[in-house]
């Protein structure tokens, strides 16, 4: 095996590490989005952003 080649085990390990990193970052991004939406919702949500004429009357 030449120095530039990787063994199958090393490739498998690198792929697994990469997948775990992607899953972790995806979970972190989802958590940040949920927390941001929760803060947005608690501060009045869309009622503060949209014009009053777009408001929906609650029955």
PDB file of N, CA and C in Angstrom:
ATOM      1  N   UNK A   1       0.855  -1.182   0.000  1.00  0.00           N
ATOM      2  CA  UNK A   1       0.000   0.000   0.000  1.00  0.00           C
ATOM      3  C   UNK A   1       0.898   1.241   0.000  1.00  0.00           C
ATOM      4  N   UNK A   2       0.600   2.161  -0.901  1.00  0.00           N
ATOM      5  CA  UNK A   2       1.408   3.377  -0.971  1.00  0.00           C
ATOM      6  C   UNK A   2       1.001   4.334   0.150  1.00  0.00           C
ATOM      7  N   UNK A   3       1.873   5.266   0.504  1.00  0.00           N
ATOM      8  CA  UNK A   3       1.576   6.171   1.626  1.00  0.00           C
ATOM      9  C   UNK A   3       0.307   7.009   1.423  1.00  0.00           C
ATOM     10  N   UNK A   4      -0.093   7.264   0.182  1.00  0.00           N
ATOM     11  CA  UNK A   4      -1.274   8.077  -0.075  1.00  0.00           C
ATOM     12  C   UNK A   4      -2.581   7.331   0.127  1.00  0.00           C
ATOM     13  N   UNK A   5      -2.533   6.010   0.166  1.00  0.00           N
ATOM     14  CA  UNK A   5      -3.748   5.211   0.314  1.00  0.00           C
ATOM     15  C   UNK A   5      -4.118   5.056   1.783  1.00  0.00           C
ATOM     16  N   UNK A   6      -5.396   4.878   2.028  1.00  0.00           N
ATOM     17  CA  UNK A   6      -5.865   4.638   3.395  1.00  0.00           C
ATOM     18  C   UNK A   6      -6.401   3.225   3.479  1.00  0.00           C
ATOM     19  N   UNK A   7      -6.261   2.637   4.629  1.00  0.00           N
ATOM     20  CA  UNK A   7      -6.827   1.307   4.816  1.00  0.00           C
ATOM     21  C   UNK A   7      -8.348   1.416   4.881  1.00  0.00           C
ATOM     22  N   UNK A   8      -9.026   0.296   4.640  1.00  0.00           N
ATOM     23  CA  UNK A   8     -10.495   0.305   4.690  1.00  0.00           C
ATOM     24  C   UNK A   8     -10.994   0.705   6.074  1.00  0.00           C
ATOM     25  N   UNK A   9     -10.302   0.245   7.111  1.00  0.00           N
ATOM     26  CA  UNK A   9     -10.720   0.595   8.477  1.00  0.00           C
ATOM     27  C   UNK A   9     -10.627   2.101   8.718  1.00  0.00           C
ATOM     28  N   UNK A  10      -9.556   2.705   8.228  1.00  0.00           N
ATOM     29  CA  UNK A  10      -9.385   4.149   8.418  1.00  0.00           C
ATOM     30  C   UNK A  10     -10.475   4.915   7.674  1.00  0.00           C
ATOM     31  N   UNK A  11     -10.809   4.454   6.477  1.00  0.00           N
ATOM     32  CA  UNK A  11     -11.869   5.110   5.702  1.00  0.00           C
ATOM     33  C   UNK A  11     -13.204   4.961   6.417  1.00  0.00           C
ATOM     34  N   UNK A  12     -13.490   3.741   6.900  1.00  0.00           N
ATOM     35  CA  UNK A  12     -14.744   3.485   7.607  1.00  0.00           C
ATOM     36  C   UNK A  12     -14.853   4.371   8.846  1.00  0.00           C
ATOM     37  N   UNK A  13     -13.746   4.488   9.579  1.00  0.00           N
ATOM     38  CA  UNK A  13     -13.719   5.308  10.788  1.00  0.00           C
ATOM     39  C   UNK A  13     -13.942   6.788  10.442  1.00  0.00           C
ATOM     40  N   UNK A  14     -13.323   7.241   9.354  1.00  0.00           N
ATOM     41  CA  UNK A  14     -13.473   8.641   8.941  1.00  0.00           C
ATOM     42  C   UNK A  14     -14.913   8.936   8.527  1.00  0.00           C
ATOM     43  N   UNK A  15     -15.532   8.004   7.805  1.00  0.00           N
ATOM     44  CA  UNK A  15     -16.920   8.189   7.373  1.00  0.00           C
ATOM     45  C   UNK A  15     -17.843   8.231   8.583  1.00  0.00           C
ATOM     46  N   UNK A  16     -17.631   7.320   9.535  1.00  0.00           N
ATOM     47  CA  UNK A  16     -18.458   7.282  10.739  1.00  0.00           C
ATOM     48  C   UNK A  16     -18.306   8.576  11.539  1.00  0.00           C
ATOM     49  N   UNK A  17     -17.082   9.041  11.686  1.00  0.00           N
ATOM     50  CA  UNK A  17     -16.829  10.289  12.412  1.00  0.00           C
ATOM     51  C   UNK A  17     -17.531  11.458  11.721  1.00  0.00           C
ATOM     52  N   UNK A  18     -17.462  11.477  10.395  1.00  0.00           N
ATOM     53  CA  UNK A  18     -18.100  12.545   9.622  1.00  0.00           C
ATOM     54  C   UNK A  18     -19.617  12.519   9.811  1.00  0.00           C
ATOM     55  N   UNK A  19     -20.215  11.329   9.769  1.00  0.00           N
ATOM     56  CA  UNK A  19     -21.667  11.209   9.945  1.00  0.00           C
ATOM     57  C   UNK A  19     -22.090  11.652  11.337  1.00  0.00           C
ATOM     58  N   UNK A  20     -21.321  11.264  12.344  1.00  0.00           N
ATOM     59  CA  UNK A  20     -21.637  11.668  13.720  1.00  0.00           C
ATOM     60  C   UNK A  20     -21.542  13.186  13.855  1.00  0.00           C
ATOM     61  N   UNK A  21     -20.529  13.776  13.219  1.00  0.00           N
ATOM     62  CA  UNK A  21     -20.367  15.230  13.281  1.00  0.00           C
ATOM     63  C   UNK A  21     -21.554  15.933  12.619  1.00  0.00           C
ATOM     64  N   UNK A  22     -21.998  15.424  11.465  1.00  0.00           N
ATOM     65  CA  UNK A  22     -23.143  16.020  10.773  1.00  0.00           C
ATOM     66  C   UNK A  22     -24.404  15.897  11.621  1.00  0.00           C
ATOM     67  N   UNK A  23     -24.635  14.726  12.221  1.00  0.00           N
ATOM     68  CA  UNK A  23     -25.810  14.533  13.073  1.00  0.00           C
ATOM     69  C   UNK A  23     -25.780  15.474  14.272  1.00  0.00           C
ATOM     70  N   UNK A  24     -24.612  15.616  14.885  1.00  0.00           N
ATOM     71  CA  UNK A  24     -24.473  16.494  16.046  1.00  0.00           C
ATOM     72  C   UNK A  24     -24.756  17.947  15.668  1.00  0.00           C
ATOM     73  N   UNK A  25     -24.189  18.393  14.548  1.00  0.00           N
ATOM     74  CA  UNK A  25     -24.419  19.770  14.115  1.00  0.00           C
ATOM     75  C   UNK A  25     -25.878  19.999  13.730  1.00  0.00           C
ATOM     76  N   UNK A  26     -26.508  18.999  13.125  1.00  0.00           N
ATOM     77  CA  UNK A  26     -27.926  19.120  12.772  1.00  0.00           C
ATOM     78  C   UNK A  26     -28.785  19.243  14.022  1.00  0.00           C
ATOM     79  N   UNK A  27     -28.485  18.428  15.020  1.00  0.00           N
ATOM     80  CA  UNK A  27     -29.231  18.483  16.276  1.00  0.00           C
ATOM     81  C   UNK A  27     -29.029  19.831  16.966  1.00  0.00           C
ATOM     82  N   UNK A  28     -27.800  20.337  16.942  1.00  0.00           N
ATOM     83  CA  UNK A  28     -27.520  21.641  17.546  1.00  0.00           C
ATOM     84  C   UNK A  28     -28.282  22.748  16.820  1.00  0.00           C
ATOM     85  N   UNK A  29     -28.309  22.701  15.486  1.00  0.00           N
ATOM     86  CA  UNK A  29     -29.027  23.717  14.710  1.00  0.00           C
ATOM     87  C   UNK A  29     -30.524  23.661  14.990  1.00  0.00           C
ATOM     88  N   UNK A  30     -31.073  22.460  15.094  1.00  0.00           N
ATOM     89  CA  UNK A  30     -32.494  22.306  15.396  1.00  0.00           C
ATOM     90  C   UNK A  30     -32.813  22.859  16.784  1.00  0.00           C
ATOM     91  N   UNK A  31     -31.946  22.583  17.750  1.00  0.00           N
ATOM     92  CA  UNK A  31     -32.141  23.084  19.111  1.00  0.00           C
ATOM     93  C   UNK A  31     -32.121  24.610  19.133  1.00  0.00           C
ATOM     94  N   UNK A  32     -31.166  25.204  18.441  1.00  0.00           N
ATOM     95  CA  UNK A  32     -31.072  26.666  18.385  1.00  0.00           C
ATOM     96  C   UNK A  32     -32.324  27.252  17.737  1.00  0.00           C
ATOM     97  N   UNK A  33     -32.792  26.619  16.657  1.00  0.00           N
ATOM     98  CA  UNK A  33     -33.996  27.111  15.977  1.00  0.00           C
ATOM     99  C   UNK A  33     -35.219  27.019  16.886  1.00  0.00           C
ATOM    100  N   UNK A  34     -35.349  25.920  17.618  1.00  0.00           N
ATOM    101  CA  UNK A  34     -36.496  25.761  18.515  1.00  0.00           C
ATOM    102  C   UNK A  34     -36.461  26.772  19.658  1.00  0.00           C
ATOM    103  N   UNK A  35     -35.291  26.997  20.228  1.00  0.00           N
ATOM    104  CA  UNK A  35     -35.164  27.976  21.312  1.00  0.00           C
ATOM    105  C   UNK A  35     -35.462  29.380  20.787  1.00  0.00           C
ATOM    106  N   UNK A  36     -34.947  29.697  19.601  1.00  0.00           N
ATOM    107  CA  UNK A  36     -35.202  31.018  19.018  1.00  0.00           C
ATOM    108  C   UNK A  36     -36.691  31.208  18.748  1.00  0.00           C
ATOM    109  N   UNK A  37     -37.352  30.174  18.238  1.00  0.00           N
ATOM    110  CA  UNK A  37     -38.790  30.289  17.978  1.00  0.00           C
ATOM    111  C   UNK A  37     -39.566  30.432  19.285  1.00  0.00           C
ATOM    112  N   UNK A  38     -39.132  29.711  20.306  1.00  0.00           N
ATOM    113  CA  UNK A  38     -39.808  29.786  21.614  1.00  0.00           C
ATOM    114  C   UNK A  38     -39.707  31.201  22.184  1.00  0.00           C
ATOM    115  N   UNK A  39     -38.529  31.798  22.087  1.00  0.00           N
ATOM    116  CA  UNK A  39     -38.337  33.176  22.559  1.00  0.00           C
ATOM    117  C   UNK A  39     -39.203  34.131  21.736  1.00  0.00           C
ATOM    118  N   UNK A  40     -39.222  33.938  20.417  1.00  0.00           N
ATOM    119  CA  UNK A  40     -40.038  34.758  19.520  1.00  0.00           C
ATOM    120  C   UNK A  40     -41.515  34.636  19.882  1.00  0.00           C
ATOM    121  N   UNK A  41     -41.955  33.418  20.139  1.00  0.00           N
ATOM    122  CA  UNK A  41     -43.360  33.164  20.462  1.00  0.00           C
ATOM    123  C   UNK A  41     -43.739  33.790  21.807  1.00  0.00           C
ATOM    124  N   UNK A  42     -42.836  33.710  22.793  1.00  0.00           N
ATOM    125  CA  UNK A  42     -43.124  34.260  24.122  1.00  0.00           C
ATOM    126  C   UNK A  42     -43.138  35.790  24.109  1.00  0.00           C
ATOM    127  N   UNK A  43     -42.447  36.391  23.143  1.00  0.00           N
ATOM    128  CA  UNK A  43     -42.386  37.855  23.106  1.00  0.00           C
ATOM    129  C   UNK A  43     -43.523  38.466  22.287  1.00  0.00           C
ATOM    130  N   UNK A  44     -44.511  37.668  21.927  1.00  0.00           N
ATOM    131  CA  UNK A  44     -45.648  38.210  21.190  1.00  0.00           C
ATOM    132  C   UNK A  44     -45.797  37.606  19.813  1.00  0.00           C
ATOM    133  N   UNK A  45     -44.758  36.979  19.329  1.00  0.00           N
ATOM    134  CA  UNK A  45     -44.842  36.262  18.062  1.00  0.00           C
ATOM    135  C   UNK A  45     -45.202  37.138  16.880  1.00  0.00           C
ATOM    136  N   UNK A  46     -46.009  36.564  15.996  1.00  0.00           N
ATOM    137  CA  UNK A  46     -46.346  37.241  14.745  1.00  0.00           C
ATOM    138  C   UNK A  46     -47.224  38.461  14.963  1.00  0.00           C
ATOM    139  N   UNK A  47     -47.916  38.553  16.095  1.00  0.00           N
ATOM    140  CA  UNK A  47     -48.787  39.701  16.335  1.00  0.00           C
ATOM    141  C   UNK A  47     -47.987  41.001  16.407  1.00  0.00           C
ATOM    142  N   UNK A  48     -46.730  40.899  16.829  1.00  0.00           N
ATOM    143  CA  UNK A  48     -45.890  42.101  16.885  1.00  0.00           C
ATOM    144  C   UNK A  48     -45.310  42.437  15.517  1.00  0.00           C
ATOM    145  N   UNK A  49     -45.195  41.429  14.650  1.00  0.00           N
ATOM    146  CA  UNK A  49     -44.512  41.617  13.369  1.00  0.00           C
ATOM    147  C   UNK A  49     -45.484  42.023  12.263  1.00  0.00           C
ATOM    148  N   UNK A  50     -46.624  41.334  12.205  1.00  0.00           N
ATOM    149  CA  UNK A  50     -47.578  41.570  11.129  1.00  0.00           C
ATOM    150  C   UNK A  50     -48.455  42.785  11.427  1.00  0.00           C
ATOM    151  N   UNK A  51     -48.974  43.422  10.383  1.00  0.00           N
ATOM    152  CA  UNK A  51     -49.862  44.569  10.594  1.00  0.00           C
ATOM    153  C   UNK A  51     -51.162  44.144  11.274  1.00  0.00           C
ATOM    154  N   UNK A  52     -51.813  45.049  12.016  1.00  0.00           N
ATOM    155  CA  UNK A  52     -53.012  44.696  12.789  1.00  0.00           C
ATOM    156  C   UNK A  52     -54.160  44.169  11.930  1.00  0.00           C
ATOM    157  N   UNK A  53     -54.258  44.631  10.692  1.00  0.00           N
ATOM    158  CA  UNK A  53     -55.381  44.174   9.857  1.00  0.00           C
ATOM    159  C   UNK A  53     -55.261  42.701   9.457  1.00  0.00           C
ATOM    160  N   UNK A  54     -54.105  42.091   9.703  1.00  0.00           N
ATOM    161  CA  UNK A  54     -53.919  40.671   9.401  1.00  0.00           C
ATOM    162  C   UNK A  54     -54.308  39.798  10.589  1.00  0.00           C
ATOM    163  N   UNK A  55     -54.680  40.407  11.681  1.00  0.00           N
ATOM    164  CA  UNK A  55     -54.993  39.646  12.894  1.00  0.00           C
ATOM    165  C   UNK A  55     -56.221  38.763  12.672  1.00  0.00           C
ATOM    166  N   UNK A  56     -56.197  37.597  13.285  1.00  0.00           N
ATOM    167  CA  UNK A  56     -57.319  36.669  13.200  1.00  0.00           C
ATOM    168  C   UNK A  56     -58.137  36.816  14.472  1.00  0.00           C
ATOM    169  N   UNK A  57     -59.435  37.004  14.306  1.00  0.00           N
ATOM    170  CA  UNK A  57     -60.324  37.134  15.461  1.00  0.00           C
ATOM    171  C   UNK A  57     -60.498  35.782  16.131  1.00  0.00           C
ATOM    172  N   UNK A  58     -60.262  35.725  17.430  1.00  0.00           N
ATOM    173  CA  UNK A  58     -60.467  34.472  18.170  1.00  0.00           C
ATOM    174  C   UNK A  58     -61.925  34.370  18.579  1.00  0.00           C
ATOM    175  N   UNK A  59     -62.492  33.184  18.403  1.00  0.00           N
ATOM    176  CA  UNK A  59     -63.913  32.978  18.722  1.00  0.00           C
ATOM    177  C   UNK A  59     -64.081  32.483  20.133  1.00  0.00           C
TER     178      UNK A  59
END
